[in-house]
Amino acid sequence: MAVTILPFVQQVITRYGITIYFALGVIGNICNFMMFMRPLYRRMPGSIYFRSLSIFSIIYLFWVFVPLFNTLDHADAQLQSLLYCKIKSYGSHVFGQCIRSVVVFACADRFFLTRTNVRIRSLSS
């Protein structure tokens, strides 16, 4: 009996738990983007990294979670189309790597900005 209820529990967790995670992620990234568009932060060299991180994160959230929410009520398109499966998998990897790359670039920018050598510090801009 406990085994038959597991798919229902998984569906409820996906429907409500991940939906909250998705909504908070989108709202947080929009707020982050708006914060770094303010004139005070726009002059900072690293703000472009945080704005692009917010954009890539929003795209990633929609790319990954909207099809997941669609499969709760409809047939899974990944099981029916090999092309869709490969495109979705490739897109999620690309956007995930873009997010990681932007974080690495922001860290490198902050590292260059804190150096005492003027030549290295000039790489930050």
PDB file of N, CA and C in Angstrom:
ATOM      1  N   MET A   1       0.814  -1.196   0.000  1.00  0.00           N
ATOM      2  CA  MET A   1       0.000   0.000   0.000  1.00  0.00           C
ATOM      3  C   MET A   1       0.858   1.260   0.000  1.00  0.00           C
ATOM      4  N   ALA A   2       1.973   1.230   0.710  1.00  0.00           N
ATOM      5  CA  ALA A   2       2.837   2.402   0.763  1.00  0.00           C
ATOM      6  C   ALA A   2       3.496   2.665  -0.586  1.00  0.00           C
ATOM      7  N   VAL A   3       3.706   1.622  -1.371  1.00  0.00           N
ATOM      8  CA  VAL A   3       4.349   1.789  -2.667  1.00  0.00           C
ATOM      9  C   VAL A   3       3.402   2.457  -3.658  1.00  0.00           C
ATOM     10  N   THR A   4       2.119   2.221  -3.552  1.00  0.00           N
ATOM     11  CA  THR A   4       1.172   2.794  -4.504  1.00  0.00           C
ATOM     12  C   THR A   4       0.955   4.281  -4.276  1.00  0.00           C
ATOM     13  N   ILE A   5       1.250   4.783  -3.119  1.00  0.00           N
ATOM     14  CA  ILE A   5       1.050   6.207  -2.846  1.00  0.00           C
ATOM     15  C   ILE A   5       2.277   7.048  -3.215  1.00  0.00           C
ATOM     16  N   LEU A   6       3.421   6.421  -3.452  1.00  0.00           N
ATOM     17  CA  LEU A   6       4.647   7.162  -3.750  1.00  0.00           C
ATOM     18  C   LEU A   6       4.559   8.027  -5.011  1.00  0.00           C
ATOM     19  N   PRO A   7       3.996   7.552  -6.136  1.00  0.00           N
ATOM     20  CA  PRO A   7       3.878   8.443  -7.301  1.00  0.00           C
ATOM     21  C   PRO A   7       3.007   9.665  -7.020  1.00  0.00           C
ATOM     22  N   PHE A   8       1.960   9.490  -6.221  1.00  0.00           N
ATOM     23  CA  PHE A   8       1.107  10.624  -5.865  1.00  0.00           C
ATOM     24  C   PHE A   8       1.873  11.631  -5.012  1.00  0.00           C
ATOM     25  N   VAL A   9       2.639  11.146  -4.053  1.00  0.00           N
ATOM     26  CA  VAL A   9       3.435  12.036  -3.199  1.00  0.00           C
ATOM     27  C   VAL A   9       4.472  12.777  -4.036  1.00  0.00           C
ATOM     28  N   GLN A  10       5.096  12.076  -4.962  1.00  0.00           N
ATOM     29  CA  GLN A  10       6.080  12.709  -5.839  1.00  0.00           C
ATOM     30  C   GLN A  10       5.427  13.790  -6.694  1.00  0.00           C
ATOM     31  N   GLN A  11       4.242  13.522  -7.195  1.00  0.00           N
ATOM     32  CA  GLN A  11       3.545  14.504  -8.018  1.00  0.00           C
ATOM     33  C   GLN A  11       3.149  15.727  -7.201  1.00  0.00           C
ATOM     34  N   VAL A  12       2.704  15.524  -5.971  1.00  0.00           N
ATOM     35  CA  VAL A  12       2.320  16.650  -5.114  1.00  0.00           C
ATOM     36  C   VAL A  12       3.543  17.497  -4.765  1.00  0.00           C
ATOM     37  N   ILE A  13       4.659  16.843  -4.448  1.00  0.00           N
ATOM     38  CA  ILE A  13       5.884  17.590  -4.141  1.00  0.00           C
ATOM     39  C   ILE A  13       6.343  18.375  -5.363  1.00  0.00           C
ATOM     40  N   THR A  14       6.266  17.762  -6.532  1.00  0.00           N
ATOM     41  CA  THR A  14       6.658  18.454  -7.755  1.00  0.00           C
ATOM     42  C   THR A  14       5.718  19.608  -8.053  1.00  0.00           C
ATOM     43  N   ARG A  15       4.437  19.370  -7.893  1.00  0.00           N
ATOM     44  CA  ARG A  15       3.455  20.393  -8.230  1.00  0.00           C
ATOM     45  C   ARG A  15       3.541  21.598  -7.311  1.00  0.00           C
ATOM     46  N   TYR A  16       3.699  21.388  -6.024  1.00  0.00           N
ATOM     47  CA  TYR A  16       3.642  22.502  -5.078  1.00  0.00           C
ATOM     48  C   TYR A  16       5.025  22.934  -4.587  1.00  0.00           C
ATOM     49  N   GLY A  17       5.889  22.002  -4.283  1.00  0.00           N
ATOM     50  CA  GLY A  17       7.209  22.363  -3.774  1.00  0.00           C
ATOM     51  C   GLY A  17       8.078  23.026  -4.815  1.00  0.00           C
ATOM     52  N   ILE A  18       8.164  22.409  -5.982  1.00  0.00           N
ATOM     53  CA  ILE A  18       9.012  22.967  -7.030  1.00  0.00           C
ATOM     54  C   ILE A  18       8.378  24.217  -7.636  1.00  0.00           C
ATOM     55  N   THR A  19       7.062  24.319  -7.602  1.00  0.00           N
ATOM     56  CA  THR A  19       6.409  25.532  -8.083  1.00  0.00           C
ATOM     57  C   THR A  19       6.793  26.725  -7.219  1.00  0.00           C
ATOM     58  N   ILE A  20       6.848  26.525  -5.916  1.00  0.00           N
ATOM     59  CA  ILE A  20       7.273  27.602  -5.014  1.00  0.00           C
ATOM     60  C   ILE A  20       8.734  27.954  -5.280  1.00  0.00           C
ATOM     61  N   TYR A  21       9.560  26.941  -5.442  1.00  0.00           N
ATOM     62  CA  TYR A  21      10.981  27.154  -5.760  1.00  0.00           C
ATOM     63  C   TYR A  21      11.118  27.929  -7.068  1.00  0.00           C
ATOM     64  N   PHE A  22      10.355  27.563  -8.071  1.00  0.00           N
ATOM     65  CA  PHE A  22      10.389  28.231  -9.369  1.00  0.00           C
ATOM     66  C   PHE A  22       9.964  29.693  -9.240  1.00  0.00           C
ATOM     67  N   ALA A  23       8.845  29.929  -8.554  1.00  0.00           N
ATOM     68  CA  ALA A  23       8.337  31.297  -8.414  1.00  0.00           C
ATOM     69  C   ALA A  23       9.314  32.178  -7.643  1.00  0.00           C
ATOM     70  N   LEU A  24       9.850  31.663  -6.547  1.00  0.00           N
ATOM     71  CA  LEU A  24      10.814  32.448  -5.772  1.00  0.00           C
ATOM     72  C   LEU A  24      12.096  32.701  -6.568  1.00  0.00           C
ATOM     73  N   GLY A  25      12.510  31.738  -7.367  1.00  0.00           N
ATOM     74  CA  GLY A  25      13.700  31.922  -8.191  1.00  0.00           C
ATOM     75  C   GLY A  25      13.512  33.002  -9.238  1.00  0.00           C
ATOM     76  N   VAL A  26      12.365  32.990  -9.906  1.00  0.00           N
ATOM     77  CA  VAL A  26      12.105  34.001 -10.929  1.00  0.00           C
ATOM     78  C   VAL A  26      11.978  35.382 -10.293  1.00  0.00           C
ATOM     79  N   ILE A  27      11.234  35.481  -9.195  1.00  0.00           N
ATOM     80  CA  ILE A  27      11.069  36.771  -8.519  1.00  0.00           C
ATOM     81  C   ILE A  27      12.411  37.283  -8.005  1.00  0.00           C
ATOM     82  N   GLY A  28      13.199  36.414  -7.400  1.00  0.00           N
ATOM     83  CA  GLY A  28      14.505  36.825  -6.894  1.00  0.00           C
ATOM     84  C   GLY A  28      15.448  37.282  -7.988  1.00  0.00           C
ATOM     85  N   ASN A  29      15.442  36.591  -9.116  1.00  0.00           N
ATOM     86  CA  ASN A  29      16.319  36.991 -10.219  1.00  0.00           C
ATOM     87  C   ASN A  29      15.860  38.293 -10.864  1.00  0.00           C
ATOM     88  N   ILE A  30      14.561  38.512 -10.928  1.00  0.00           N
ATOM     89  CA  ILE A  30      14.062  39.790 -11.452  1.00  0.00           C
ATOM     90  C   ILE A  30      14.454  40.926 -10.519  1.00  0.00           C
ATOM     91  N   CYS A  31      14.311  40.712  -9.207  1.00  0.00           N
ATOM     92  CA  CYS A  31      14.729  41.734  -8.235  1.00  0.00           C
ATOM     93  C   CYS A  31      16.232  41.985  -8.317  1.00  0.00           C
ATOM     94  N   ASN A  32      17.005  40.933  -8.480  1.00  0.00           N
ATOM     95  CA  ASN A  32      18.456  41.066  -8.612  1.00  0.00           C
ATOM     96  C   ASN A  32      18.806  41.867  -9.865  1.00  0.00           C
ATOM     97  N   PHE A  33      18.130  41.579 -10.961  1.00  0.00           N
ATOM     98  CA  PHE A  33      18.384  42.310 -12.201  1.00  0.00           C
ATOM     99  C   PHE A  33      18.029  43.782 -12.038  1.00  0.00           C
ATOM    100  N   MET A  34      16.877  44.051 -11.419  1.00  0.00           N
ATOM    101  CA  MET A  34      16.461  45.443 -11.225  1.00  0.00           C
ATOM    102  C   MET A  34      17.410  46.178 -10.280  1.00  0.00           C
ATOM    103  N   MET A  35      17.918  45.490  -9.277  1.00  0.00           N
ATOM    104  CA  MET A  35      18.852  46.112  -8.336  1.00  0.00           C
ATOM    105  C   MET A  35      20.133  46.549  -9.044  1.00  0.00           C
ATOM    106  N   PHE A  36      20.664  45.704  -9.902  1.00  0.00           N
ATOM    107  CA  PHE A  36      21.910  46.048 -10.576  1.00  0.00           C
ATOM    108  C   PHE A  36      21.698  46.935 -11.797  1.00  0.00           C
ATOM    109  N   MET A  37      20.466  47.300 -12.096  1.00  0.00           N
ATOM    110  CA  MET A  37      20.199  48.288 -13.135  1.00  0.00           C
ATOM    111  C   MET A  37      20.141  49.699 -12.559  1.00  0.00           C
ATOM    112  N   ARG A  38      20.144  49.827 -11.250  1.00  0.00           N
ATOM    113  CA  ARG A  38      20.128  51.148 -10.626  1.00  0.00           C
ATOM    114  C   ARG A  38      21.418  51.885 -10.985  1.00  0.00           C
ATOM    115  N   PRO A  39      21.353  53.217 -11.107  1.00  0.00           N
ATOM    116  CA  PRO A  39      22.545  53.975 -11.521  1.00  0.00           C
ATOM    117  C   PRO A  39      23.745  53.801 -10.588  1.00  0.00           C
ATOM    118  N   LEU A  40      23.499  53.618  -9.299  1.00  0.00           N
ATOM    119  CA  LEU A  40      24.602  53.445  -8.358  1.00  0.00           C
ATOM    120  C   LEU A  40      25.392  52.176  -8.656  1.00  0.00           C
ATOM    121  N   TYR A  41      24.688  51.087  -8.944  1.00  0.00           N
ATOM    122  CA  TYR A  41      25.352  49.810  -9.197  1.00  0.00           C
ATOM    123  C   TYR A  41      25.753  49.632 -10.656  1.00  0.00           C
ATOM    124  N   ARG A  42      25.129  50.387 -11.541  1.00  0.00           N
ATOM    125  CA  ARG A  42      25.429  50.242 -12.958  1.00  0.00           C
ATOM    126  C   ARG A  42      26.859  50.666 -13.282  1.00  0.00           C
ATOM    127  N   ARG A  43      27.431  51.546 -12.466  1.00  0.00           N
ATOM    128  CA  ARG A  43      28.794  52.008 -12.695  1.00  0.00           C
ATOM    129  C   ARG A  43      29.840  50.998 -12.242  1.00  0.00           C
ATOM    130  N   MET A  44      29.451  50.024 -11.449  1.00  0.00           N
ATOM    131  CA  MET A  44      30.400  49.010 -10.983  1.00  0.00           C
ATOM    132  C   MET A  44      30.766  48.076 -12.139  1.00  0.00           C
ATOM    133  N   PRO A  45      32.044  47.732 -12.252  1.00  0.00           N
ATOM    134  CA  PRO A  45      32.444  46.852 -13.364  1.00  0.00           C
ATOM    135  C   PRO A  45      31.816  45.462 -13.291  1.00  0.00           C
ATOM    136  N   GLY A  46      31.557  44.966 -12.109  1.00  0.00           N
ATOM    137  CA  GLY A  46      31.028  43.612 -11.973  1.00  0.00           C
ATOM    138  C   GLY A  46      29.524  43.500 -12.113  1.00  0.00           C
ATOM    139  N   SER A  47      28.833  44.631 -12.257  1.00  0.00           N
ATOM    140  CA  SER A  47      27.370  44.566 -12.305  1.00  0.00           C
ATOM    141  C   SER A  47      26.866  43.878 -13.570  1.00  0.00           C
ATOM    142  N   ILE A  48      27.623  43.963 -14.659  1.00  0.00           N
ATOM    143  CA  ILE A  48      27.203  43.291 -15.888  1.00  0.00           C
ATOM    144  C   ILE A  48      27.169  41.785 -15.698  1.00  0.00           C
ATOM    145  N   TYR A  49      28.062  41.265 -14.867  1.00  0.00           N
ATOM    146  CA  TYR A  49      28.067  39.827 -14.601  1.00  0.00           C
ATOM    147  C   TYR A  49      26.827  39.417 -13.812  1.00  0.00           C
ATOM    148  N   PHE A  50      26.451  40.224 -12.838  1.00  0.00           N
ATOM    149  CA  PHE A  50      25.284  39.882 -12.039  1.00  0.00           C
ATOM    150  C   PHE A  50      23.988  40.032 -12.837  1.00  0.00           C
ATOM    151  N   ARG A  51      23.936  41.015 -13.721  1.00  0.00           N
ATOM    152  CA  ARG A  51      22.754  41.142 -14.579  1.00  0.00           C
ATOM    153  C   ARG A  51      22.649  39.964 -15.537  1.00  0.00           C
ATOM    154  N   SER A  52      23.767  39.585 -16.142  1.00  0.00           N
ATOM    155  CA  SER A  52      23.721  38.442 -17.062  1.00  0.00           C
ATOM    156  C   SER A  52      23.453  37.143 -16.308  1.00  0.00           C
ATOM    157  N   LEU A  53      23.945  37.038 -15.070  1.00  0.00           N
ATOM    158  CA  LEU A  53      23.636  35.866 -14.247  1.00  0.00           C
ATOM    159  C   LEU A  53      22.137  35.772 -13.991  1.00  0.00           C
ATOM    160  N   SER A  54      21.502  36.899 -13.717  1.00  0.00           N
ATOM    161  CA  SER A  54      20.057  36.896 -13.490  1.00  0.00           C
ATOM    162  C   SER A  54      19.302  36.485 -14.745  1.00  0.00           C
ATOM    163  N   ILE A  55      19.726  36.987 -15.892  1.00  0.00           N
ATOM    164  CA  ILE A  55      19.049  36.646 -17.146  1.00  0.00           C
ATOM    165  C   ILE A  55      19.210  35.163 -17.459  1.00  0.00           C
ATOM    166  N   PHE A  56      20.425  34.646 -17.359  1.00  0.00           N
ATOM    167  CA  PHE A  56      20.648  33.226 -17.629  1.00  0.00           C
ATOM    168  C   PHE A  56      19.904  32.342 -16.628  1.00  0.00           C
ATOM    169  N   SER A  57      19.814  32.790 -15.386  1.00  0.00           N
ATOM    170  CA  SER A  57      19.099  31.998 -14.379  1.00  0.00           C
ATOM    171  C   SER A  57      17.603  31.946 -14.664  1.00  0.00           C
ATOM    172  N   ILE A  58      17.031  33.054 -15.095  1.00  0.00           N
ATOM    173  CA  ILE A  58      15.608  33.061 -15.445  1.00  0.00           C
ATOM    174  C   ILE A  58      15.359  32.152 -16.645  1.00  0.00           C
ATOM    175  N   ILE A  59      16.198  32.258 -17.660  1.00  0.00           N
ATOM    176  CA  ILE A  59      16.048  31.394 -18.836  1.00  0.00           C
ATOM    177  C   ILE A  59      16.182  29.936 -18.440  1.00  0.00           C
ATOM    178  N   TYR A  60      17.154  29.635 -17.576  1.00  0.00           N
ATOM    179  CA  TYR A  60      17.365  28.256 -17.125  1.00  0.00           C
ATOM    180  C   TYR A  60      16.153  27.741 -16.353  1.00  0.00           C
ATOM    181  N   LEU A  61      15.613  28.559 -15.465  1.00  0.00           N
ATOM    182  CA  LEU A  61      14.443  28.124 -14.698  1.00  0.00           C
ATOM    183  C   LEU A  61      13.270  27.809 -15.618  1.00  0.00           C
ATOM    184  N   PHE A  62      13.015  28.685 -16.591  1.00  0.00           N
ATOM    185  CA  PHE A  62      11.910  28.427 -17.510  1.00  0.00           C
ATOM    186  C   PHE A  62      12.201  27.221 -18.399  1.00  0.00           C
ATOM    187  N   TRP A  63      13.446  27.073 -18.835  1.00  0.00           N
ATOM    188  CA  TRP A  63      13.811  25.972 -19.729  1.00  0.00           C
ATOM    189  C   TRP A  63      13.640  24.621 -19.048  1.00  0.00           C
ATOM    190  N   VAL A  64      13.963  24.551 -17.765  1.00  0.00           N
ATOM    191  CA  VAL A  64      13.939  23.277 -17.055  1.00  0.00           C
ATOM    192  C   VAL A  64      12.581  22.989 -16.427  1.00  0.00           C
ATOM    193  N   PHE A  65      11.972  23.981 -15.786  1.00  0.00           N
ATOM    194  CA  PHE A  65      10.803  23.692 -14.965  1.00  0.00           C
ATOM    195  C   PHE A  65       9.468  23.757 -15.698  1.00  0.00           C
ATOM    196  N   VAL A  66       9.330  24.571 -16.719  1.00  0.00           N
ATOM    197  CA  VAL A  66       8.045  24.637 -17.429  1.00  0.00           C
ATOM    198  C   VAL A  66       7.704  23.300 -18.088  1.00  0.00           C
ATOM    199  N   PRO A  67       8.637  22.624 -18.778  1.00  0.00           N
ATOM    200  CA  PRO A  67       8.294  21.289 -19.292  1.00  0.00           C
ATOM    201  C   PRO A  67       8.005  20.279 -18.181  1.00  0.00           C
ATOM    202  N   LEU A  68       8.669  20.436 -17.036  1.00  0.00           N
ATOM    203  CA  LEU A  68       8.400  19.549 -15.905  1.00  0.00           C
ATOM    204  C   LEU A  68       6.976  19.731 -15.397  1.00  0.00           C
ATOM    205  N   PHE A  69       6.525  20.980 -15.311  1.00  0.00           N
ATOM    206  CA  PHE A  69       5.148  21.236 -14.882  1.00  0.00           C
ATOM    207  C   PHE A  69       4.149  20.735 -15.920  1.00  0.00           C
ATOM    208  N   ASN A  70       4.519  20.808 -17.194  1.00  0.00           N
ATOM    209  CA  ASN A  70       3.641  20.334 -18.260  1.00  0.00           C
ATOM    210  C   ASN A  70       3.444  18.824 -18.189  1.00  0.00           C
ATOM    211  N   THR A  71       4.472  18.092 -17.774  1.00  0.00           N
ATOM    212  CA  THR A  71       4.362  16.631 -17.717  1.00  0.00           C
ATOM    213  C   THR A  71       3.506  16.150 -16.554  1.00  0.00           C
ATOM    214  N   LEU A  72       3.140  17.036 -15.639  1.00  0.00           N
ATOM    215  CA  LEU A  72       2.266  16.619 -14.541  1.00  0.00           C
ATOM    216  C   LEU A  72       0.860  16.302 -15.038  1.00  0.00           C
ATOM    217  N   ASP A  73       0.414  17.018 -16.072  1.00  0.00           N
ATOM    218  CA  ASP A  73      -0.950  16.834 -16.567  1.00  0.00           C
ATOM    219  C   ASP A  73      -1.019  16.253 -17.973  1.00  0.00           C
ATOM    220  N   HIS A  74       0.093  16.227 -18.678  1.00  0.00           N
ATOM    221  CA  HIS A  74       0.107  15.756 -20.062  1.00  0.00           C
ATOM    222  C   HIS A  74       1.203  14.710 -20.236  1.00  0.00           C
ATOM    223  N   ALA A  75       1.226  14.117 -21.408  1.00  0.00           N
ATOM    224  CA  ALA A  75       2.257  13.117 -21.704  1.00  0.00           C
ATOM    225  C   ALA A  75       3.625  13.784 -21.792  1.00  0.00           C
ATOM    226  N   ASP A  76       4.647  13.077 -21.368  1.00  0.00           N
ATOM    227  CA  ASP A  76       6.006  13.607 -21.389  1.00  0.00           C
ATOM    228  C   ASP A  76       6.511  13.646 -22.827  1.00  0.00           C
ATOM    229  N   ALA A  77       6.825  14.837 -23.309  1.00  0.00           N
ATOM    230  CA  ALA A  77       7.277  14.994 -24.693  1.00  0.00           C
ATOM    231  C   ALA A  77       8.664  14.394 -24.911  1.00  0.00           C
ATOM    232  N   GLN A  78       9.445  14.260 -23.856  1.00  0.00           N
ATOM    233  CA  GLN A  78      10.777  13.668 -24.001  1.00  0.00           C
ATOM    234  C   GLN A  78      10.699  12.190 -24.350  1.00  0.00           C
ATOM    235  N   LEU A  79       9.638  11.535 -23.938  1.00  0.00           N
ATOM    236  CA  LEU A  79       9.474  10.121 -24.253  1.00  0.00           C
ATOM    237  C   LEU A  79       8.948   9.906 -25.663  1.00  0.00           C
ATOM    238  N   GLN A  80       8.364  10.943 -26.254  1.00  0.00           N
ATOM    239  CA  GLN A  80       7.747  10.802 -27.562  1.00  0.00           C
ATOM    240  C   GLN A  80       8.616  11.312 -28.703  1.00  0.00           C
ATOM    241  N   SER A  81       9.533  12.222 -28.415  1.00  0.00           N
ATOM    242  CA  SER A  81      10.350  12.811 -29.472  1.00  0.00           C
ATOM    243  C   SER A  81      11.820  12.809 -29.057  1.00  0.00           C
ATOM    244  N   LEU A  82      12.629  12.144 -29.837  1.00  0.00           N
ATOM    245  CA  LEU A  82      14.058  12.100 -29.554  1.00  0.00           C
ATOM    246  C   LEU A  82      14.698  13.468 -29.768  1.00  0.00           C
ATOM    247  N   LEU A  83      14.250  14.199 -30.795  1.00  0.00           N
ATOM    248  CA  LEU A  83      14.797  15.525 -31.065  1.00  0.00           C
ATOM    249  C   LEU A  83      14.513  16.471 -29.902  1.00  0.00           C
ATOM    250  N   TYR A  84      13.282  16.464 -29.403  1.00  0.00           N
ATOM    251  CA  TYR A  84      12.927  17.315 -28.266  1.00  0.00           C
ATOM    252  C   TYR A  84      13.753  16.947 -27.041  1.00  0.00           C
ATOM    253  N   CYS A  85      13.948  15.679 -26.823  1.00  0.00           N
ATOM    254  CA  CYS A  85      14.731  15.210 -25.679  1.00  0.00           C
ATOM    255  C   CYS A  85      16.163  15.722 -25.757  1.00  0.00           C
ATOM    256  N   LYS A  86      16.760  15.644 -26.929  1.00  0.00           N
ATOM    257  CA  LYS A  86      18.145  16.085 -27.090  1.00  0.00           C
ATOM    258  C   LYS A  86      18.261  17.600 -26.988  1.00  0.00           C
ATOM    259  N   ILE A  87      17.309  18.325 -27.568  1.00  0.00           N
ATOM    260  CA  ILE A  87      17.350  19.788 -27.497  1.00  0.00           C
ATOM    261  C   ILE A  87      17.161  20.261 -26.063  1.00  0.00           C
ATOM    262  N   LYS A  88      16.234  19.651 -25.341  1.00  0.00           N
ATOM    263  CA  LYS A  88      15.999  20.045 -23.951  1.00  0.00           C
ATOM    264  C   LYS A  88      17.209  19.739 -23.086  1.00  0.00           C
ATOM    265  N   SER A  89      17.798  18.591 -23.285  1.00  0.00           N
ATOM    266  CA  SER A  89      18.989  18.221 -22.518  1.00  0.00           C
ATOM    267  C   SER A  89      20.165  19.139 -22.855  1.00  0.00           C
ATOM    268  N   TYR A  90      20.366  19.403 -24.133  1.00  0.00           N
ATOM    269  CA  TYR A  90      21.457  20.283 -24.552  1.00  0.00           C
ATOM    270  C   TYR A  90      21.249  21.694 -24.015  1.00  0.00           C
ATOM    271  N   GLY A  91      20.025  22.202 -24.125  1.00  0.00           N
ATOM    272  CA  GLY A  91      19.737  23.553 -23.637  1.00  0.00           C
ATOM    273  C   GLY A  91      19.944  23.693 -22.142  1.00  0.00           C
ATOM    274  N   SER A  92      19.529  22.689 -21.389  1.00  0.00           N
ATOM    275  CA  SER A  92      19.716  22.783 -19.940  1.00  0.00           C
ATOM    276  C   SER A  92      21.201  22.746 -19.579  1.00  0.00           C
ATOM    277  N   HIS A  93      21.989  21.971 -20.310  1.00  0.00           N
ATOM    278  CA  HIS A  93      23.432  21.954 -20.053  1.00  0.00           C
ATOM    279  C   HIS A  93      24.088  23.275 -20.454  1.00  0.00           C
ATOM    280  N   VAL A  94      23.669  23.833 -21.581  1.00  0.00           N
ATOM    281  CA  VAL A  94      24.252  25.094 -22.047  1.00  0.00           C
ATOM    282  C   VAL A  94      23.948  26.218 -21.068  1.00  0.00           C
ATOM    283  N   PHE A  95      22.676  26.347 -20.665  1.00  0.00           N
ATOM    284  CA  PHE A  95      22.328  27.427 -19.746  1.00  0.00           C
ATOM    285  C   PHE A  95      22.952  27.212 -18.371  1.00  0.00           C
ATOM    286  N   GLY A  96      23.056  25.974 -17.939  1.00  0.00           N
ATOM    287  CA  GLY A  96      23.736  25.694 -16.673  1.00  0.00           C
ATOM    288  C   GLY A  96      25.205  26.081 -16.723  1.00  0.00           C
ATOM    289  N   GLN A  97      25.861  25.796 -17.844  1.00  0.00           N
ATOM    290  CA  GLN A  97      27.267  26.176 -17.988  1.00  0.00           C
ATOM    291  C   GLN A  97      27.428  27.687 -18.118  1.00  0.00           C
ATOM    292  N   CYS A  98      26.469  28.352 -18.751  1.00  0.00           N
ATOM    293  CA  CYS A  98      26.528  29.817 -18.830  1.00  0.00           C
ATOM    294  C   CYS A  98      26.452  30.428 -17.439  1.00  0.00           C
ATOM    295  N   ILE A  99      25.580  29.891 -16.596  1.00  0.00           N
ATOM    296  CA  ILE A  99      25.465  30.387 -15.223  1.00  0.00           C
ATOM    297  C   ILE A  99      26.782  30.198 -14.486  1.00  0.00           C
ATOM    298  N   ARG A 100      27.366  29.026 -14.606  1.00  0.00           N
ATOM    299  CA  ARG A 100      28.640  28.761 -13.922  1.00  0.00           C
ATOM    300  C   ARG A 100      29.758  29.651 -14.464  1.00  0.00           C
ATOM    301  N   SER A 101      29.778  29.851 -15.767  1.00  0.00           N
ATOM    302  CA  SER A 101      30.823  30.687 -16.369  1.00  0.00           C
ATOM    303  C   SER A 101      30.712  32.132 -15.919  1.00  0.00           C
ATOM    304  N   VAL A 102      29.500  32.643 -15.838  1.00  0.00           N
ATOM    305  CA  VAL A 102      29.310  34.021 -15.393  1.00  0.00           C
ATOM    306  C   VAL A 102      29.779  34.187 -13.951  1.00  0.00           C
ATOM    307  N   VAL A 103      29.515  33.201 -13.104  1.00  0.00           N
ATOM    308  CA  VAL A 103      29.989  33.263 -11.716  1.00  0.00           C
ATOM    309  C   VAL A 103      31.515  33.269 -11.681  1.00  0.00           C
ATOM    310  N   VAL A 104      32.146  32.444 -12.504  1.00  0.00           N
ATOM    311  CA  VAL A 104      33.615  32.415 -12.555  1.00  0.00           C
ATOM    312  C   VAL A 104      34.158  33.749 -13.058  1.00  0.00           C
ATOM    313  N   PHE A 105      33.530  34.332 -14.086  1.00  0.00           N
ATOM    314  CA  PHE A 105      33.985  35.626 -14.589  1.00  0.00           C
ATOM    315  C   PHE A 105      33.818  36.724 -13.543  1.00  0.00           C
ATOM    316  N   ALA A 106      32.721  36.692 -12.795  1.00  0.00           N
ATOM    317  CA  ALA A 106      32.517  37.686 -11.736  1.00  0.00           C
ATOM    318  C   ALA A 106      33.572  37.536 -10.645  1.00  0.00           C
ATOM    319  N   CYS A 107      33.904  36.308 -10.299  1.00  0.00           N
ATOM    320  CA  CYS A 107      34.962  36.080  -9.297  1.00  0.00           C
ATOM    321  C   CYS A 107      36.310  36.567  -9.809  1.00  0.00           C
ATOM    322  N   ALA A 108      36.611  36.299 -11.063  1.00  0.00           N
ATOM    323  CA  ALA A 108      37.876  36.767 -11.640  1.00  0.00           C
ATOM    324  C   ALA A 108      37.917  38.291 -11.674  1.00  0.00           C
ATOM    325  N   ASP A 109      36.791  38.921 -11.999  1.00  0.00           N
ATOM    326  CA  ASP A 109      36.726  40.377 -12.022  1.00  0.00           C
ATOM    327  C   ASP A 109      36.989  40.949 -10.634  1.00  0.00           C
ATOM    328  N   ARG A 110      36.388  40.381  -9.627  1.00  0.00           N
ATOM    329  CA  ARG A 110      36.619  40.832  -8.245  1.00  0.00           C
ATOM    330  C   ARG A 110      38.069  40.582  -7.836  1.00  0.00           C
ATOM    331  N   PHE A 111      38.635  39.481  -8.268  1.00  0.00           N
ATOM    332  CA  PHE A 111      40.035  39.185  -7.958  1.00  0.00           C
ATOM    333  C   PHE A 111      40.952  40.231  -8.585  1.00  0.00           C
ATOM    334  N   PHE A 112      40.718  40.551  -9.859  1.00  0.00           N
ATOM    335  CA  PHE A 112      41.551  41.543 -10.531  1.00  0.00           C
ATOM    336  C   PHE A 112      41.399  42.918  -9.895  1.00  0.00           C
ATOM    337  N   LEU A 113      40.209  43.240  -9.439  1.00  0.00           N
ATOM    338  CA  LEU A 113      39.947  44.554  -8.856  1.00  0.00           C
ATOM    339  C   LEU A 113      40.675  44.751  -7.530  1.00  0.00           C
ATOM    340  N   THR A 114      40.937  43.691  -6.801  1.00  0.00           N
ATOM    341  CA  THR A 114      41.557  43.818  -5.480  1.00  0.00           C
ATOM    342  C   THR A 114      43.078  43.730  -5.512  1.00  0.00           C
ATOM    343  N   ARG A 115      43.688  43.601  -6.660  1.00  0.00           N
ATOM    344  CA  ARG A 115      45.148  43.496  -6.752  1.00  0.00           C
ATOM    345  C   ARG A 115      45.796  44.869  -6.578  1.00  0.00           C
ATOM    346  N   THR A 116      46.999  44.878  -6.050  1.00  0.00           N
ATOM    347  CA  THR A 116      47.735  46.132  -5.880  1.00  0.00           C
ATOM    348  C   THR A 116      48.460  46.541  -7.158  1.00  0.00           C
ATOM    349  N   ASN A 117      48.742  45.602  -8.024  1.00  0.00           N
ATOM    350  CA  ASN A 117      49.403  45.899  -9.294  1.00  0.00           C
ATOM    351  C   ASN A 117      48.408  46.596 -10.228  1.00  0.00           C
ATOM    352  N   VAL A 118      48.807  47.742 -10.765  1.00  0.00           N
ATOM    353  CA  VAL A 118      47.908  48.539 -11.595  1.00  0.00           C
ATOM    354  C   VAL A 118      47.561  47.821 -12.896  1.00  0.00           C
ATOM    355  N   ARG A 119      48.524  47.119 -13.484  1.00  0.00           N
ATOM    356  CA  ARG A 119      48.249  46.402 -14.739  1.00  0.00           C
ATOM    357  C   ARG A 119      47.200  45.322 -14.536  1.00  0.00           C
ATOM    358  N   ILE A 120      47.301  44.594 -13.436  1.00  0.00           N
ATOM    359  CA  ILE A 120      46.311  43.545 -13.158  1.00  0.00           C
ATOM    360  C   ILE A 120      44.968  44.167 -12.796  1.00  0.00           C
ATOM    361  N   ARG A 121      44.995  45.255 -12.042  1.00  0.00           N
ATOM    362  CA  ARG A 121      43.750  45.915 -11.648  1.00  0.00           C
ATOM    363  C   ARG A 121      43.029  46.494 -12.865  1.00  0.00           C
ATOM    364  N   SER A 122      43.772  46.894 -13.888  1.00  0.00           N
ATOM    365  CA  SER A 122      43.138  47.452 -15.089  1.00  0.00           C
ATOM    366  C   SER A 122      42.383  46.386 -15.883  1.00  0.00           C
ATOM    367  N   LEU A 123      42.657  45.109 -15.639  1.00  0.00           N
ATOM    368  CA  LEU A 123      41.912  44.042 -16.313  1.00  0.00           C
ATOM    369  C   LEU A 123      40.466  43.966 -15.835  1.00  0.00           C
ATOM    370  N   SER A 124      40.168  44.594 -14.711  1.00  0.00           N
ATOM    371  CA  SER A 124      38.817  44.544 -14.159  1.00  0.00           C
ATOM    372  C   SER A 124      37.831  45.354 -14.976  1.00  0.00           C
ATOM    373  N   SER A 125      38.282  46.374 -15.636  1.00  0.00           N
ATOM    374  CA  SER A 125      37.357  47.186 -16.408  1.00  0.00           C
ATOM    375  C   SER A 125      37.314  46.679 -17.813  1.00  0.00           C
TER     376      SER A 125
END
